[in-house]
PDB file of all heavy atoms in Angstrom:
ATOM      1  N   GLU A   1      -5.075  -7.903  10.935  1.00  0.00           N
ATOM      2  CA  GLU A   1      -6.508  -7.629  10.989  1.00  0.00           C
ATOM      3  C   GLU A   1      -7.118  -7.803   9.598  1.00  0.00           C
ATOM      4  O   GLU A   1      -6.582  -7.325   8.593  1.00  0.00           O
ATOM      5  CB  GLU A   1      -6.756  -6.194  11.477  1.00  0.00           C
ATOM      6  CG  GLU A   1      -6.600  -6.023  12.967  1.00  0.00           C
ATOM      7  CD  GLU A   1      -7.746  -6.660  13.716  1.00  0.00           C
ATOM      8  OE1 GLU A   1      -8.881  -6.302  13.454  1.00  0.00           O
ATOM      9  OE2 GLU A   1      -7.479  -7.543  14.540  1.00  0.00           O
ATOM     10  N   LYS A   2      -8.229  -8.498   9.510  1.00  0.00           N
ATOM     11  CA  LYS A   2      -8.874  -8.768   8.232  1.00  0.00           C
ATOM     12  C   LYS A   2      -9.781  -7.607   7.856  1.00  0.00           C
ATOM     13  O   LYS A   2     -10.741  -7.301   8.552  1.00  0.00           O
ATOM     14  CB  LYS A   2      -9.683 -10.063   8.314  1.00  0.00           C
ATOM     15  CG  LYS A   2      -8.825 -11.302   8.514  1.00  0.00           C
ATOM     16  CD  LYS A   2      -9.662 -12.563   8.537  1.00  0.00           C
ATOM     17  CE  LYS A   2      -8.786 -13.793   8.703  1.00  0.00           C
ATOM     18  NZ  LYS A   2      -9.582 -15.040   8.728  1.00  0.00           N
ATOM     19  N   LEU A   3      -9.445  -6.932   6.734  1.00  0.00           N
ATOM     20  CA  LEU A   3     -10.249  -5.815   6.249  1.00  0.00           C
ATOM     21  C   LEU A   3     -10.927  -6.222   4.951  1.00  0.00           C
ATOM     22  O   LEU A   3     -10.525  -7.170   4.281  1.00  0.00           O
ATOM     23  CB  LEU A   3      -9.362  -4.584   6.029  1.00  0.00           C
ATOM     24  CG  LEU A   3      -8.594  -4.086   7.263  1.00  0.00           C
ATOM     25  CD1 LEU A   3      -7.694  -2.927   6.899  1.00  0.00           C
ATOM     26  CD2 LEU A   3      -9.564  -3.671   8.368  1.00  0.00           C
ATOM     27  N   GLU A   4     -11.943  -5.463   4.568  1.00  0.00           N
ATOM     28  CA  GLU A   4     -12.692  -5.761   3.358  1.00  0.00           C
ATOM     29  C   GLU A   4     -12.888  -4.481   2.544  1.00  0.00           C
ATOM     30  O   GLU A   4     -12.819  -3.366   3.061  1.00  0.00           O
ATOM     31  CB  GLU A   4     -14.058  -6.370   3.707  1.00  0.00           C
ATOM     32  CG  GLU A   4     -13.953  -7.689   4.472  1.00  0.00           C
ATOM     33  CD  GLU A   4     -15.321  -8.246   4.852  1.00  0.00           C
ATOM     34  OE1 GLU A   4     -16.315  -7.536   4.589  1.00  0.00           O
ATOM     35  OE2 GLU A   4     -15.386  -9.357   5.394  1.00  0.00           O
ATOM     36  N   GLY A   5     -13.202  -4.658   1.256  1.00  0.00           N
ATOM     37  CA  GLY A   5     -13.570  -3.538   0.390  1.00  0.00           C
ATOM     38  C   GLY A   5     -12.470  -2.512   0.247  1.00  0.00           C
ATOM     39  O   GLY A   5     -11.278  -2.835   0.106  1.00  0.00           O
ATOM     40  N   ASP A   6     -12.864  -1.206   0.261  1.00  0.00           N
ATOM     41  CA  ASP A   6     -11.906  -0.103   0.090  1.00  0.00           C
ATOM     42  C   ASP A   6     -10.836  -0.102   1.166  1.00  0.00           C
ATOM     43  O   ASP A   6      -9.680   0.242   0.915  1.00  0.00           O
ATOM     44  CB  ASP A   6     -12.644   1.234   0.092  1.00  0.00           C
ATOM     45  CG  ASP A   6     -13.513   1.399  -1.157  1.00  0.00           C
ATOM     46  OD1 ASP A   6     -13.254   0.682  -2.137  1.00  0.00           O
ATOM     47  OD2 ASP A   6     -14.432   2.238  -1.133  1.00  0.00           O
ATOM     48  N   ALA A   7     -11.234  -0.487   2.376  1.00  0.00           N
ATOM     49  CA  ALA A   7     -10.268  -0.499   3.474  1.00  0.00           C
ATOM     50  C   ALA A   7      -9.139  -1.488   3.186  1.00  0.00           C
ATOM     51  O   ALA A   7      -7.955  -1.204   3.430  1.00  0.00           O
ATOM     52  CB  ALA A   7     -10.965  -0.854   4.786  1.00  0.00           C
ATOM     53  N   ALA A   8      -9.482  -2.657   2.649  1.00  0.00           N
ATOM     54  CA  ALA A   8      -8.466  -3.649   2.320  1.00  0.00           C
ATOM     55  C   ALA A   8      -7.566  -3.156   1.191  1.00  0.00           C
ATOM     56  O   ALA A   8      -6.339  -3.363   1.202  1.00  0.00           O
ATOM     57  CB  ALA A   8      -9.140  -4.959   1.939  1.00  0.00           C
ATOM     58  N   LEU A   9      -8.177  -2.483   0.178  1.00  0.00           N
ATOM     59  CA  LEU A   9      -7.400  -1.976  -0.952  1.00  0.00           C
ATOM     60  C   LEU A   9      -6.439  -0.876  -0.504  1.00  0.00           C
ATOM     61  O   LEU A   9      -5.262  -0.859  -0.882  1.00  0.00           O
ATOM     62  CB  LEU A   9      -8.356  -1.455  -2.032  1.00  0.00           C
ATOM     63  CG  LEU A   9      -7.702  -1.051  -3.368  1.00  0.00           C
ATOM     64  CD1 LEU A   9      -6.981  -2.234  -3.995  1.00  0.00           C
ATOM     65  CD2 LEU A   9      -8.761  -0.493  -4.318  1.00  0.00           C
ATOM     66  N   ASN A  10      -6.939   0.038   0.336  1.00  0.00           N
ATOM     67  CA  ASN A  10      -6.083   1.119   0.836  1.00  0.00           C
ATOM     68  C   ASN A  10      -4.935   0.562   1.660  1.00  0.00           C
ATOM     69  O   ASN A  10      -3.801   1.051   1.597  1.00  0.00           O
ATOM     70  CB  ASN A  10      -6.903   2.103   1.678  1.00  0.00           C
ATOM     71  CG  ASN A  10      -7.831   2.939   0.808  1.00  0.00           C
ATOM     72  OD1 ASN A  10      -7.550   3.162  -0.365  1.00  0.00           O
ATOM     73  ND2 ASN A  10      -8.932   3.402   1.386  1.00  0.00           N
ATOM     74  N   LYS A  11      -5.247  -0.465   2.462  1.00  0.00           N
ATOM     75  CA  LYS A  11      -4.194  -1.068   3.275  1.00  0.00           C
ATOM     76  C   LYS A  11      -3.119  -1.707   2.385  1.00  0.00           C
ATOM     77  O   LYS A  11      -1.919  -1.636   2.681  1.00  0.00           O
ATOM     78  CB  LYS A  11      -4.805  -2.105   4.211  1.00  0.00           C
ATOM     79  CG  LYS A  11      -3.777  -2.738   5.138  1.00  0.00           C
ATOM     80  CD  LYS A  11      -4.429  -3.708   6.096  1.00  0.00           C
ATOM     81  CE  LYS A  11      -3.380  -4.338   7.010  1.00  0.00           C
ATOM     82  NZ  LYS A  11      -3.977  -5.303   7.947  1.00  0.00           N
ATOM     83  N   LEU A  12      -3.547  -2.314   1.257  1.00  0.00           N
ATOM     84  CA  LEU A  12      -2.594  -2.921   0.329  1.00  0.00           C
ATOM     85  C   LEU A  12      -1.674  -1.867  -0.258  1.00  0.00           C
ATOM     86  O   LEU A  12      -0.447  -2.036  -0.315  1.00  0.00           O
ATOM     87  CB  LEU A  12      -3.356  -3.658  -0.781  1.00  0.00           C
ATOM     88  CG  LEU A  12      -2.496  -4.246  -1.901  1.00  0.00           C
ATOM     89  CD1 LEU A  12      -1.528  -5.284  -1.357  1.00  0.00           C
ATOM     90  CD2 LEU A  12      -3.374  -4.846  -2.985  1.00  0.00           C
ATOM     91  N   PHE A  13      -2.264  -0.727  -0.705  1.00  0.00           N
ATOM     92  CA  PHE A  13      -1.440   0.354  -1.261  1.00  0.00           C
ATOM     93  C   PHE A  13      -0.461   0.897  -0.224  1.00  0.00           C
ATOM     94  O   PHE A  13       0.702   1.188  -0.527  1.00  0.00           O
ATOM     95  CB  PHE A  13      -2.339   1.478  -1.776  1.00  0.00           C
ATOM     96  CG  PHE A  13      -3.134   1.105  -3.013  1.00  0.00           C
ATOM     97  CD1 PHE A  13      -4.371   1.680  -3.259  1.00  0.00           C
ATOM     98  CD2 PHE A  13      -2.639   0.180  -3.912  1.00  0.00           C
ATOM     99  CE1 PHE A  13      -5.099   1.345  -4.386  1.00  0.00           C
ATOM    100  CE2 PHE A  13      -3.367  -0.167  -5.051  1.00  0.00           C
ATOM    101  CZ  PHE A  13      -4.598   0.420  -5.278  1.00  0.00           C
ATOM    102  N   GLN A  14      -0.944   1.049   1.023  1.00  0.00           N
ATOM    103  CA  GLN A  14      -0.068   1.552   2.083  1.00  0.00           C
ATOM    104  C   GLN A  14       1.092   0.596   2.328  1.00  0.00           C
ATOM    105  O   GLN A  14       2.235   1.028   2.539  1.00  0.00           O
ATOM    106  CB  GLN A  14      -0.869   1.748   3.375  1.00  0.00           C
ATOM    107  CG  GLN A  14      -1.888   2.873   3.298  1.00  0.00           C
ATOM    108  CD  GLN A  14      -2.807   2.899   4.506  1.00  0.00           C
ATOM    109  OE1 GLN A  14      -2.601   2.153   5.463  1.00  0.00           O
ATOM    110  NE2 GLN A  14      -3.825   3.740   4.457  1.00  0.00           N
ATOM    111  N   GLN A  15       0.793  -0.703   2.289  1.00  0.00           N
ATOM    112  CA  GLN A  15       1.837  -1.689   2.525  1.00  0.00           C
ATOM    113  C   GLN A  15       2.872  -1.679   1.404  1.00  0.00           C
ATOM    114  O   GLN A  15       4.078  -1.788   1.648  1.00  0.00           O
ATOM    115  CB  GLN A  15       1.205  -3.089   2.657  1.00  0.00           C
ATOM    116  CG  GLN A  15       2.152  -4.146   3.196  1.00  0.00           C
ATOM    117  CD  GLN A  15       2.595  -3.842   4.615  1.00  0.00           C
ATOM    118  OE1 GLN A  15       1.771  -3.509   5.453  1.00  0.00           O
ATOM    119  NE2 GLN A  15       3.894  -3.929   4.869  1.00  0.00           N
ATOM    120  N   ILE A  16       2.388  -1.549   0.153  1.00  0.00           N
ATOM    121  CA  ILE A  16       3.313  -1.476  -0.993  1.00  0.00           C
ATOM    122  C   ILE A  16       4.215  -0.265  -0.860  1.00  0.00           C
ATOM    123  O   ILE A  16       5.424  -0.333  -1.088  1.00  0.00           O
ATOM    124  CB  ILE A  16       2.526  -1.426  -2.319  1.00  0.00           C
ATOM    125  CG1 ILE A  16       1.784  -2.764  -2.543  1.00  0.00           C
ATOM    126  CG2 ILE A  16       3.449  -1.123  -3.485  1.00  0.00           C
ATOM    127  CD1 ILE A  16       0.853  -2.752  -3.738  1.00  0.00           C
ATOM    128  N   TYR A  17       3.629   0.871  -0.451  1.00  0.00           N
ATOM    129  CA  TYR A  17       4.402   2.103  -0.316  1.00  0.00           C
ATOM    130  C   TYR A  17       5.442   1.966   0.798  1.00  0.00           C
ATOM    131  O   TYR A  17       6.601   2.357   0.637  1.00  0.00           O
ATOM    132  CB  TYR A  17       3.459   3.269  -0.021  1.00  0.00           C
ATOM    133  CG  TYR A  17       4.149   4.619  -0.015  1.00  0.00           C
ATOM    134  CD1 TYR A  17       4.332   5.332  -1.201  1.00  0.00           C
ATOM    135  CD2 TYR A  17       4.616   5.167   1.169  1.00  0.00           C
ATOM    136  CE1 TYR A  17       4.974   6.568  -1.194  1.00  0.00           C
ATOM    137  CE2 TYR A  17       5.252   6.393   1.190  1.00  0.00           C
ATOM    138  CZ  TYR A  17       5.431   7.095   0.000  1.00  0.00           C
ATOM    139  OH  TYR A  17       6.056   8.308   0.017  1.00  0.00           O
ATOM    140  N   CYS A  18       5.027   1.401   1.943  1.00  0.00           N
ATOM    141  CA  CYS A  18       5.940   1.275   3.080  1.00  0.00           C
ATOM    142  C   CYS A  18       7.099   0.332   2.774  1.00  0.00           C
ATOM    143  O   CYS A  18       8.236   0.578   3.185  1.00  0.00           O
ATOM    144  CB  CYS A  18       5.182   0.786   4.314  1.00  0.00           C
ATOM    145  SG  CYS A  18       4.042   2.001   4.999  1.00  0.00           S
ATOM    146  N   ASP A  19       6.811  -0.754   2.062  1.00  0.00           N
ATOM    147  CA  ASP A  19       7.834  -1.754   1.783  1.00  0.00           C
ATOM    148  C   ASP A  19       8.648  -1.447   0.527  1.00  0.00           C
ATOM    149  O   ASP A  19       9.653  -2.109   0.266  1.00  0.00           O
ATOM    150  CB  ASP A  19       7.192  -3.144   1.631  1.00  0.00           C
ATOM    151  CG  ASP A  19       6.534  -3.609   2.919  1.00  0.00           C
ATOM    152  OD1 ASP A  19       6.876  -3.068   3.990  1.00  0.00           O
ATOM    153  OD2 ASP A  19       5.662  -4.502   2.849  1.00  0.00           O
ATOM    154  N   GLY A  20       8.202  -0.459  -0.243  1.00  0.00           N
ATOM    155  CA  GLY A  20       8.847  -0.194  -1.530  1.00  0.00           C
ATOM    156  C   GLY A  20      10.153   0.571  -1.416  1.00  0.00           C
ATOM    157  O   GLY A  20      10.455   1.191  -0.394  1.00  0.00           O
ATOM    158  N   SER A  21      10.921   0.545  -2.515  1.00  0.00           N
ATOM    159  CA  SER A  21      12.172   1.302  -2.576  1.00  0.00           C
ATOM    160  C   SER A  21      11.864   2.774  -2.809  1.00  0.00           C
ATOM    161  O   SER A  21      10.716   3.169  -3.000  1.00  0.00           O
ATOM    162  CB  SER A  21      13.035   0.755  -3.719  1.00  0.00           C
ATOM    163  OG  SER A  21      12.365   0.974  -4.963  1.00  0.00           O
ATOM    164  N   ASP A  22      12.915   3.587  -2.781  1.00  0.00           N
ATOM    165  CA  ASP A  22      12.719   5.020  -3.036  1.00  0.00           C
ATOM    166  C   ASP A  22      12.123   5.254  -4.424  1.00  0.00           C
ATOM    167  O   ASP A  22      11.291   6.152  -4.612  1.00  0.00           O
ATOM    168  CB  ASP A  22      14.053   5.762  -2.907  1.00  0.00           C
ATOM    169  CG  ASP A  22      14.542   5.808  -1.460  1.00  0.00           C
ATOM    170  OD1 ASP A  22      13.692   5.598  -0.554  1.00  0.00           O
ATOM    171  OD2 ASP A  22      15.738   6.052  -1.243  1.00  0.00           O
ATOM    172  N   GLU A  23      12.544   4.460  -5.414  1.00  0.00           N
ATOM    173  CA  GLU A  23      12.012   4.627  -6.770  1.00  0.00           C
ATOM    174  C   GLU A  23      10.531   4.271  -6.813  1.00  0.00           C
ATOM    175  O   GLU A  23       9.733   4.939  -7.480  1.00  0.00           O
ATOM    176  CB  GLU A  23      12.802   3.751  -7.755  1.00  0.00           C
ATOM    177  CG  GLU A  23      14.182   4.280  -8.072  1.00  0.00           C
ATOM    178  CD  GLU A  23      14.803   3.532  -9.242  1.00  0.00           C
ATOM    179  OE1 GLU A  23      14.210   2.520  -9.679  1.00  0.00           O
ATOM    180  OE2 GLU A  23      15.883   3.968  -9.719  1.00  0.00           O
ATOM    181  N   VAL A  24      10.143   3.226  -6.109  1.00  0.00           N
ATOM    182  CA  VAL A  24       8.727   2.846  -6.059  1.00  0.00           C
ATOM    183  C   VAL A  24       7.905   3.964  -5.433  1.00  0.00           C
ATOM    184  O   VAL A  24       6.823   4.330  -5.922  1.00  0.00           O
ATOM    185  CB  VAL A  24       8.543   1.530  -5.273  1.00  0.00           C
ATOM    186  CG1 VAL A  24       7.066   1.285  -4.966  1.00  0.00           C
ATOM    187  CG2 VAL A  24       9.123   0.361  -6.063  1.00  0.00           C
ATOM    188  N   LYS A  25       8.395   4.538  -4.331  1.00  0.00           N
ATOM    189  CA  LYS A  25       7.661   5.614  -3.668  1.00  0.00           C
ATOM    190  C   LYS A  25       7.551   6.842  -4.570  1.00  0.00           C
ATOM    191  O   LYS A  25       6.497   7.476  -4.645  1.00  0.00           O
ATOM    192  CB  LYS A  25       8.352   5.973  -2.354  1.00  0.00           C
ATOM    193  CG  LYS A  25       8.269   4.852  -1.314  1.00  0.00           C
ATOM    194  CD  LYS A  25       9.021   5.223  -0.037  1.00  0.00           C
ATOM    195  CE  LYS A  25       8.935   4.075   0.973  1.00  0.00           C
ATOM    196  NZ  LYS A  25       9.695   4.384   2.212  1.00  0.00           N
ATOM    197  N   ARG A  26       8.645   7.181  -5.286  1.00  0.00           N
ATOM    198  CA  ARG A  26       8.602   8.330  -6.194  1.00  0.00           C
ATOM    199  C   ARG A  26       7.600   8.078  -7.311  1.00  0.00           C
ATOM    200  O   ARG A  26       6.849   8.978  -7.716  1.00  0.00           O
ATOM    201  CB  ARG A  26       9.997   8.607  -6.766  1.00  0.00           C
ATOM    202  CG  ARG A  26      10.952   9.254  -5.782  1.00  0.00           C
ATOM    203  CD  ARG A  26      12.121   9.917  -6.503  1.00  0.00           C
ATOM    204  NE  ARG A  26      12.916   8.944  -7.260  1.00  0.00           N
ATOM    205  CZ  ARG A  26      13.955   8.300  -6.767  1.00  0.00           C
ATOM    206  NH1 ARG A  26      14.331   8.508  -5.516  1.00  0.00           N
ATOM    207  NH2 ARG A  26      14.641   7.442  -7.509  1.00  0.00           N
ATOM    208  N   ALA A  27       7.601   6.853  -7.829  1.00  0.00           N
ATOM    209  CA  ALA A  27       6.683   6.517  -8.916  1.00  0.00           C
ATOM    210  C   ALA A  27       5.225   6.633  -8.452  1.00  0.00           C
ATOM    211  O   ALA A  27       4.363   7.160  -9.169  1.00  0.00           O
ATOM    212  CB  ALA A  27       6.975   5.110  -9.433  1.00  0.00           C
ATOM    213  N   MET A  28       4.927   6.124  -7.250  1.00  0.00           N
ATOM    214  CA  MET A  28       3.561   6.181  -6.742  1.00  0.00           C
ATOM    215  C   MET A  28       3.116   7.621  -6.507  1.00  0.00           C
ATOM    216  O   MET A  28       1.992   8.006  -6.856  1.00  0.00           O
ATOM    217  CB  MET A  28       3.459   5.354  -5.450  1.00  0.00           C
ATOM    218  CG  MET A  28       3.660   3.848  -5.660  1.00  0.00           C
ATOM    219  SD  MET A  28       3.586   2.882  -4.130  1.00  0.00           S
ATOM    220  CE  MET A  28       1.817   2.943  -3.805  1.00  0.00           C
TER     221      MET A  28
END
């Protein structure tokens, strides 16, 4: 789904968190 603005940015952060390692999640 194509999102814009804050919604797109939040979705990017959520995706990074979901795909990240345990160290990435702890750091965030």
